[in-house]
Amino acid sequence: MKGKLYIVPTPVGNLEDMTFRAVEILKEADLILAEDTRTSSVLLDHYGIKRPLQSHHKFNEHQTAERVKEIILAGKNVALVSDAGTPGISDPGFLLARTCAEEGIEVQTLPGATACIPAIVSSGLPCDRFCFEGFLPQKKGRQTLLQSLASEPRTMVFYESPRRLVKTLEQFAEVFGPDRQCSVAREISKVHEEHVRGTLADVFAHFSATEPKGEIVIVVAGAVIEKGEHRNKYKD
């Protein structure tokens, strides 16, 4: 019989955010695939999980996916984890899930941690409808994409590195307007978690004066539609 592929979310900060089911799946897996085996070993050691561990990251996932597919077809259960959060969301995972699904292998994704949802819920911005943009292109296509989002009515969610945050906020203010509301979530679920809210101009000024550190999620209010009602308007 075929085995299964389990996609297992891991904590984005606090190790206690791991679910009971996720721990059990990892303890029973025949093989665990990890984005960085050193990072994942800390989590596995914390929960006393001792299973075979293999690297699966963006530089080797094309080769790994075919090999893992054969392992699962041979009857083994494989669990995929990333450094933090849910695999496939701005992390390796999509290619392996697609490869297994095309082969008729059962893919089970456990619910669990992701930085996107806590950031948008805590932002104070409408979260009934939103679009997730992840990491923006660093160069080619970046400005075109931002211009296309200028009239996006839904709340927008972006991931960014601390070293590029100030420049990104500056670009957002230029394209979306300095008065557009936003929230920057930093170090979600960790000891130094912080949420900085205000206009893009306000938040840009804050992080220009205070060096940002840690994992960053930017939440930006959608554009206000002038005619008719719109539920995602920041001020109703």
Protein backbone atom coordinates (compact mmCIF):
# COMPACT_ATOMS: atom_id res chain seq x y z
CA MET A 1 0.00 0.00 0.00
CA LYS A 2 1.05 3.59 -0.62
CA GLY A 3 2.18 5.69 2.29
CA LYS A 4 1.09 9.28 2.89
CA LEU A 5 2.63 12.72 2.77
CA TYR A 6 1.94 14.79 5.87
CA ILE A 7 2.55 18.53 5.69
CA VAL A 8 3.18 19.61 9.27
CA PRO A 9 3.19 23.25 10.45
CA THR A 10 5.75 24.15 13.09
CA PRO A 11 5.82 27.10 15.52
CA VAL A 12 6.81 30.52 14.17
CA GLY A 13 8.25 31.41 17.56
CA ASN A 14 7.15 29.79 20.80
CA LEU A 15 7.84 26.03 20.68
CA GLU A 16 4.72 25.38 22.77
CA ASP A 17 2.55 26.38 19.78
CA MET A 18 3.09 22.89 18.36
CA THR A 19 -0.14 20.84 18.23
CA PHE A 20 -0.52 17.42 19.88
CA ARG A 21 -1.35 15.85 16.52
CA ALA A 22 1.71 17.37 14.84
CA VAL A 23 3.96 15.84 17.50
CA GLU A 24 2.34 12.41 17.07
CA ILE A 25 2.63 12.52 13.28
CA LEU A 26 6.32 13.38 13.50
CA LYS A 27 6.95 10.64 16.06
CA GLU A 28 5.36 8.05 13.76
CA ALA A 29 6.75 9.22 10.39
CA ASP A 30 9.20 6.96 8.59
CA LEU A 31 11.03 10.03 7.31
CA ILE A 32 10.95 13.75 8.17
CA LEU A 33 11.87 16.29 5.51
CA ALA A 34 13.18 19.60 6.86
CA GLU A 35 14.06 22.89 5.22
CA ASP A 36 17.08 23.18 7.54
CA THR A 37 17.88 20.05 9.53
CA ARG A 38 19.78 22.05 12.15
CA THR A 39 16.79 24.30 12.86
CA SER A 40 14.30 21.43 12.89
CA SER A 41 16.54 19.33 15.16
CA VAL A 42 15.99 21.87 17.94
CA LEU A 43 12.22 21.39 17.70
CA LEU A 44 12.46 17.60 17.38
CA ASP A 45 14.78 17.35 20.39
CA HIS A 46 12.40 19.52 22.42
CA TYR A 47 9.62 16.96 21.89
CA GLY A 48 11.80 13.86 22.06
CA ILE A 49 11.24 13.00 18.39
CA LYS A 50 13.92 10.72 17.00
CA ARG A 51 13.15 9.86 13.38
CA PRO A 52 15.27 9.88 10.20
CA LEU A 53 15.75 13.46 9.03
CA GLN A 54 16.56 14.68 5.51
CA SER A 55 16.95 18.15 4.01
CA HIS A 56 14.34 19.46 1.56
CA HIS A 57 14.81 23.08 0.51
CA LYS A 58 14.40 25.34 -2.50
CA PHE A 59 17.80 24.37 -3.92
CA ASN A 60 17.21 20.61 -3.97
CA GLU A 61 13.42 20.18 -3.98
CA HIS A 62 13.19 19.14 -7.64
CA GLN A 63 15.54 16.21 -7.04
CA THR A 64 14.11 15.42 -3.61
CA ALA A 65 10.46 15.40 -4.73
CA GLU A 66 10.90 12.49 -7.16
CA ARG A 67 12.90 10.46 -4.67
CA VAL A 68 10.41 11.06 -1.87
CA LYS A 69 7.53 10.12 -4.17
CA GLU A 70 9.12 6.70 -4.69
CA ILE A 71 9.63 6.28 -0.94
CA ILE A 72 5.94 6.96 -0.31
CA LEU A 73 4.84 4.66 -3.14
CA ALA A 74 6.88 1.95 -1.43
CA GLY A 75 4.62 2.30 1.63
CA LYS A 76 6.48 4.75 3.84
CA ASN A 77 4.90 7.79 5.52
CA VAL A 78 6.78 11.05 5.07
CA ALA A 79 6.30 14.29 7.04
CA LEU A 80 7.38 17.66 5.67
CA VAL A 81 8.27 20.60 7.94
CA SER A 82 9.80 24.02 7.25
CA ASP A 83 11.90 26.18 9.55
CA ALA A 84 8.73 27.87 10.85
CA GLY A 85 5.06 27.96 9.93
CA THR A 86 3.25 25.95 7.28
CA PRO A 87 5.31 24.41 4.45
CA GLY A 88 4.30 25.77 1.06
CA ILE A 89 3.49 29.25 2.38
CA SER A 90 6.61 31.19 1.25
CA ASP A 91 8.55 27.99 2.02
CA PRO A 92 9.30 24.78 0.07
CA GLY A 93 6.33 22.41 -0.11
CA PHE A 94 4.24 23.17 -3.18
CA LEU A 95 6.33 21.08 -5.59
CA LEU A 96 6.35 18.00 -3.36
CA ALA A 97 2.61 18.26 -2.67
CA ARG A 98 1.88 18.56 -6.40
CA THR A 99 4.18 15.66 -7.28
CA CYS A 100 2.47 13.40 -4.75
CA ALA A 101 -1.05 14.52 -5.67
CA GLU A 102 -0.40 13.82 -9.36
CA GLU A 103 0.73 10.31 -8.41
CA GLY A 104 -2.47 9.69 -6.45
CA ILE A 105 -0.68 9.82 -3.09
CA GLU A 106 -2.75 11.11 -0.19
CA VAL A 107 -1.54 14.50 1.02
CA GLN A 108 -2.69 15.52 4.49
CA THR A 109 -1.97 19.05 5.69
CA LEU A 110 -2.33 19.60 9.41
CA PRO A 111 -3.74 22.92 10.62
CA GLY A 112 -1.31 24.93 12.65
CA ALA A 113 1.01 27.90 12.95
CA THR A 114 1.52 30.54 10.28
CA ALA A 115 2.66 34.14 10.74
CA CYS A 116 0.11 35.54 8.30
CA ILE A 117 -3.09 34.99 10.30
CA PRO A 118 -1.98 36.37 13.72
CA ALA A 119 -0.55 39.43 11.98
CA ILE A 120 -3.71 40.33 10.10
CA VAL A 121 -6.08 39.58 13.00
CA SER A 122 -3.98 41.70 15.38
CA SER A 123 -3.61 44.55 12.89
CA GLY A 124 -7.03 46.07 13.50
CA LEU A 125 -7.57 46.14 9.74
CA PRO A 126 -10.46 44.26 8.08
CA CYS A 127 -9.65 40.57 7.85
CA ASP A 128 -12.85 39.11 6.41
CA ARG A 129 -11.27 39.44 2.96
CA PHE A 130 -7.55 39.73 2.32
CA CYS A 131 -4.89 38.85 -0.24
CA PHE A 132 -1.59 37.26 0.69
CA GLU A 133 1.36 38.45 -1.40
CA GLY A 134 4.20 36.88 0.58
CA PHE A 135 7.66 38.15 -0.34
CA LEU A 136 7.68 40.70 -3.15
CA PRO A 137 10.14 40.31 -6.04
CA GLN A 138 13.34 42.07 -5.05
CA LYS A 139 13.99 43.57 -8.49
CA LYS A 140 12.31 42.44 -11.72
CA GLY A 141 8.56 42.99 -11.68
CA ARG A 142 8.47 44.58 -8.22
CA GLN A 143 7.28 48.05 -9.26
CA THR A 144 4.76 46.63 -11.73
CA LEU A 145 3.29 44.39 -9.05
CA LEU A 146 3.04 47.24 -6.54
CA GLN A 147 1.28 49.43 -9.09
CA SER A 148 -1.20 46.63 -9.76
CA LEU A 149 -1.95 46.45 -6.03
CA ALA A 150 -2.54 50.20 -5.63
CA SER A 151 -6.27 49.74 -6.30
CA GLU A 152 -6.62 46.37 -4.51
CA PRO A 153 -9.65 46.75 -2.19
CA ARG A 154 -8.80 43.87 0.14
CA THR A 155 -6.37 44.07 3.03
CA MET A 156 -2.91 43.01 1.82
CA VAL A 157 -0.37 40.87 3.67
CA PHE A 158 3.35 40.82 2.87
CA TYR A 159 6.41 39.10 4.32
CA GLU A 160 9.65 41.06 4.48
CA SER A 161 13.14 40.81 5.93
CA PRO A 162 14.17 43.34 8.59
CA ARG A 163 16.99 44.73 6.44
CA ARG A 164 14.58 45.58 3.60
CA LEU A 165 11.64 46.74 5.74
CA VAL A 166 12.33 50.49 5.72
CA LYS A 167 12.86 50.58 1.94
CA THR A 168 9.68 48.55 1.39
CA LEU A 169 7.61 50.86 3.60
CA GLU A 170 8.99 53.83 1.69
CA GLN A 171 7.94 52.23 -1.61
CA PHE A 172 4.50 51.39 -0.21
CA ALA A 173 4.02 55.03 0.81
CA GLU A 174 4.99 56.19 -2.68
CA VAL A 175 2.63 53.77 -4.46
CA PHE A 176 -0.28 53.40 -1.99
CA GLY A 177 -0.04 56.88 -0.48
CA PRO A 178 1.53 57.92 2.86
CA ASP A 179 -1.87 58.05 4.61
CA ARG A 180 -2.77 54.41 3.89
CA GLN A 181 -3.19 52.51 7.17
CA CYS A 182 -0.86 49.63 7.94
CA SER A 183 0.49 47.42 10.71
CA VAL A 184 3.90 45.81 11.02
CA ALA A 185 4.03 42.67 13.15
CA ARG A 186 7.44 41.64 14.41
CA GLU A 187 8.57 38.44 16.16
CA ILE A 188 5.08 36.89 16.38
CA SER A 189 4.64 34.59 19.43
CA LYS A 190 8.17 35.33 20.64
CA VAL A 191 9.25 37.19 23.79
CA HIS A 192 9.73 40.50 21.97
CA GLU A 193 6.58 40.41 19.84
CA GLU A 194 5.62 43.88 18.64
CA HIS A 195 2.87 45.44 16.51
CA VAL A 196 3.40 48.93 15.13
CA ARG A 197 0.22 50.46 13.68
CA GLY A 198 -0.55 53.72 11.92
CA THR A 199 -0.23 55.29 8.50
CA LEU A 200 2.53 54.14 6.19
CA ALA A 201 4.25 57.46 6.87
CA ASP A 202 4.03 56.91 10.65
CA VAL A 203 5.31 53.34 10.53
CA PHE A 204 8.08 54.27 8.10
CA ALA A 205 9.22 57.01 10.49
CA HIS A 206 9.19 54.58 13.42
CA PHE A 207 11.38 51.97 11.79
CA SER A 208 13.65 54.60 10.24
CA ALA A 209 14.46 55.64 13.82
CA THR A 210 14.33 52.16 15.37
CA GLU A 211 16.23 49.35 13.66
CA PRO A 212 13.83 46.47 12.90
CA LYS A 213 14.84 42.97 13.96
CA GLY A 214 13.33 39.51 13.64
CA GLU A 215 10.62 38.09 11.41
CA ILE A 216 8.39 40.71 9.79
CA VAL A 217 4.81 40.71 8.48
CA ILE A 218 3.37 43.87 6.89
CA VAL A 219 -0.41 44.33 6.74
CA VAL A 220 -1.70 47.16 4.54
CA ALA A 221 -5.28 48.41 4.26
CA GLY A 222 -7.00 47.98 0.92
CA ALA A 223 -7.86 50.89 -1.35
CA VAL A 224 -11.06 52.78 -0.61
CA ILE A 225 -13.62 52.54 -3.38
CA GLU A 226 -15.17 55.96 -3.90
CA LYS A 227 -18.51 54.85 -5.34
CA GLY A 228 -20.88 52.54 -3.49
CA GLU A 229 -20.35 50.58 -0.32
CA HIS A 230 -17.27 48.54 0.34
CA ARG A 231 -16.82 46.32 3.37
CA ASN A 232 -13.03 46.54 3.41
CA LYS A 233 -12.90 50.31 3.78
CA TYR A 234 -10.69 51.22 6.73
CA LYS A 235 -13.07 53.93 7.97
CA ASP A 236 -16.80 53.20 7.67
